Amino acid sequence: MKRRLMAQLQLNDKLYAQLENIVKDSKEFNDVASYVSYILEQVVQKKLQQGATTKTPTDTTGNYSKADEDKIRERLKNLGYLD
């Protein structure tokens, strides 16, 4: 995996101390930077997955495809809005 150096991230002292404590108790992370990187990766992945499930492709007229309608109906059924 290619890594890219980026600008420094500024955290307040309280948050940094909390992150340090988490890292100290962790067997997975060596430092705060690696833990913060992991957290950001998780957040970005979750957002990308949410975007993939909430953005439904439409044609130029704004109509949903049959597959999209089926997904929406299934979601509404699972939420109890449809029988």
C-alpha atoms as a PDB file:
ATOM      1  CA  MET A   1       0.000   0.000   0.000  1.00  0.00           C
ATOM      2  CA  LYS A   2       1.417   3.352  -1.006  1.00  0.00           C
ATOM      3  CA  ARG A   3       1.575   5.940   1.747  1.00  0.00           C
ATOM      4  CA  ARG A   4       1.546   9.649   1.234  1.00  0.00           C
ATOM      5  CA  LEU A   5       2.936  12.245   3.603  1.00  0.00           C
ATOM      6  CA  MET A   6       0.387  14.907   4.417  1.00  0.00           C
ATOM      7  CA  ALA A   7       0.175  18.095   6.384  1.00  0.00           C
ATOM      8  CA  GLN A   8       0.192  17.807  10.148  1.00  0.00           C
ATOM      9  CA  LEU A   9      -3.099  17.275  11.857  1.00  0.00           C
ATOM     10  CA  GLN A  10      -3.638  19.434  14.921  1.00  0.00           C
ATOM     11  CA  LEU A  11      -5.487  17.883  17.839  1.00  0.00           C
ATOM     12  CA  ASN A  12      -6.294  19.439  21.173  1.00  0.00           C
ATOM     13  CA  ASP A  13      -4.325  18.127  24.145  1.00  0.00           C
ATOM     14  CA  LYS A  14      -7.245  16.281  25.718  1.00  0.00           C
ATOM     15  CA  LEU A  15      -8.079  14.363  22.537  1.00  0.00           C
ATOM     16  CA  TYR A  16      -4.429  13.529  21.913  1.00  0.00           C
ATOM     17  CA  ALA A  17      -4.047  12.206  25.473  1.00  0.00           C
ATOM     18  CA  GLN A  18      -7.147  10.047  25.016  1.00  0.00           C
ATOM     19  CA  LEU A  19      -5.777   8.671  21.757  1.00  0.00           C
ATOM     20  CA  GLU A  20      -2.428   7.978  23.433  1.00  0.00           C
ATOM     21  CA  ASN A  21      -4.185   5.968  26.137  1.00  0.00           C
ATOM     22  CA  ILE A  22      -6.022   3.922  23.544  1.00  0.00           C
ATOM     23  CA  VAL A  23      -2.775   3.230  21.694  1.00  0.00           C
ATOM     24  CA  LYS A  24      -0.988   2.233  24.925  1.00  0.00           C
ATOM     25  CA  ASP A  25      -3.677  -0.381  25.588  1.00  0.00           C
ATOM     26  CA  SER A  26      -3.652  -1.551  21.986  1.00  0.00           C
ATOM     27  CA  LYS A  27      -1.619  -4.367  20.508  1.00  0.00           C
ATOM     28  CA  GLU A  28      -2.454  -3.246  16.971  1.00  0.00           C
ATOM     29  CA  PHE A  29      -1.068   0.295  16.892  1.00  0.00           C
ATOM     30  CA  ASN A  30       2.401   1.634  17.607  1.00  0.00           C
ATOM     31  CA  ASP A  31       1.580   5.318  17.774  1.00  0.00           C
ATOM     32  CA  VAL A  32      -1.209   7.881  17.614  1.00  0.00           C
ATOM     33  CA  ALA A  33      -0.580   8.579  13.922  1.00  0.00           C
ATOM     34  CA  SER A  34      -1.185   4.972  12.900  1.00  0.00           C
ATOM     35  CA  TYR A  35      -4.345   4.850  15.017  1.00  0.00           C
ATOM     36  CA  VAL A  36      -5.695   8.107  13.584  1.00  0.00           C
ATOM     37  CA  SER A  37      -4.930   6.834  10.086  1.00  0.00           C
ATOM     38  CA  TYR A  38      -6.884   3.650  10.850  1.00  0.00           C
ATOM     39  CA  ILE A  39      -9.849   5.654  12.172  1.00  0.00           C
ATOM     40  CA  LEU A  40      -9.893   7.874   9.088  1.00  0.00           C
ATOM     41  CA  GLU A  41      -9.755   4.844   6.801  1.00  0.00           C
ATOM     42  CA  GLN A  42     -12.743   3.335   8.624  1.00  0.00           C
ATOM     43  CA  VAL A  43     -14.760   6.556   8.393  1.00  0.00           C
ATOM     44  CA  VAL A  44     -13.993   6.992   4.687  1.00  0.00           C
ATOM     45  CA  GLN A  45     -14.865   3.360   3.957  1.00  0.00           C
ATOM     46  CA  LYS A  46     -18.161   3.697   5.807  1.00  0.00           C
ATOM     47  CA  LYS A  47     -19.010   6.878   3.905  1.00  0.00           C
ATOM     48  CA  LEU A  48     -18.190   5.232   0.595  1.00  0.00           C
ATOM     49  CA  GLN A  49     -20.394   2.263   1.462  1.00  0.00           C
ATOM     50  CA  GLN A  50     -23.225   4.557   2.536  1.00  0.00           C
ATOM     51  CA  GLY A  51     -22.873   6.510  -0.676  1.00  0.00           C
ATOM     52  CA  ALA A  52     -23.065   3.306  -2.681  1.00  0.00           C
ATOM     53  CA  THR A  53     -26.255   2.265  -0.920  1.00  0.00           C
ATOM     54  CA  THR A  54     -28.005   5.635  -0.662  1.00  0.00           C
ATOM     55  CA  LYS A  55     -27.247   7.071  -4.077  1.00  0.00           C
ATOM     56  CA  THR A  56     -29.570   5.391  -6.503  1.00  0.00           C
ATOM     57  CA  PRO A  57     -28.744   5.811 -10.166  1.00  0.00           C
ATOM     58  CA  THR A  58     -31.463   7.472 -12.157  1.00  0.00           C
ATOM     59  CA  ASP A  59     -31.954   8.034 -15.830  1.00  0.00           C
ATOM     60  CA  THR A  60     -32.117  11.567 -17.230  1.00  0.00           C
ATOM     61  CA  THR A  61     -35.856  11.760 -16.526  1.00  0.00           C
ATOM     62  CA  GLY A  62     -35.307  11.051 -12.824  1.00  0.00           C
ATOM     63  CA  ASN A  63     -37.010   7.652 -12.902  1.00  0.00           C
ATOM     64  CA  TYR A  64     -35.636   4.753 -10.885  1.00  0.00           C
ATOM     65  CA  SER A  65     -34.700   1.528 -12.595  1.00  0.00           C
ATOM     66  CA  LYS A  66     -36.645  -1.650 -11.820  1.00  0.00           C
ATOM     67  CA  ALA A  67     -33.714  -2.936  -9.739  1.00  0.00           C
ATOM     68  CA  ASP A  68     -33.620   0.318  -7.766  1.00  0.00           C
ATOM     69  CA  GLU A  69     -37.366   0.132  -7.122  1.00  0.00           C
ATOM     70  CA  ASP A  70     -37.005  -3.439  -5.896  1.00  0.00           C
ATOM     71  CA  LYS A  71     -34.228  -2.399  -3.492  1.00  0.00           C
ATOM     72  CA  ILE A  72     -36.316   0.488  -2.181  1.00  0.00           C
ATOM     73  CA  ARG A  73     -39.375  -1.740  -1.723  1.00  0.00           C
ATOM     74  CA  GLU A  74     -37.261  -4.310   0.140  1.00  0.00           C
ATOM     75  CA  ARG A  75     -35.842  -1.629   2.440  1.00  0.00           C
ATOM     76  CA  LEU A  76     -39.305  -0.238   3.168  1.00  0.00           C
ATOM     77  CA  LYS A  77     -40.567  -3.757   3.825  1.00  0.00           C
ATOM     78  CA  ASN A  78     -37.689  -4.443   6.233  1.00  0.00           C
ATOM     79  CA  LEU A  79     -38.473  -1.186   8.043  1.00  0.00           C
ATOM     80  CA  GLY A  80     -42.109  -2.207   8.411  1.00  0.00           C
ATOM     81  CA  TYR A  81     -43.597   0.338   6.021  1.00  0.00           C
ATOM     82  CA  LEU A  82     -44.768  -2.267   3.510  1.00  0.00           C
ATOM     83  CA  ASP A  83     -46.250  -5.738   3.934  1.00  0.00           C
END
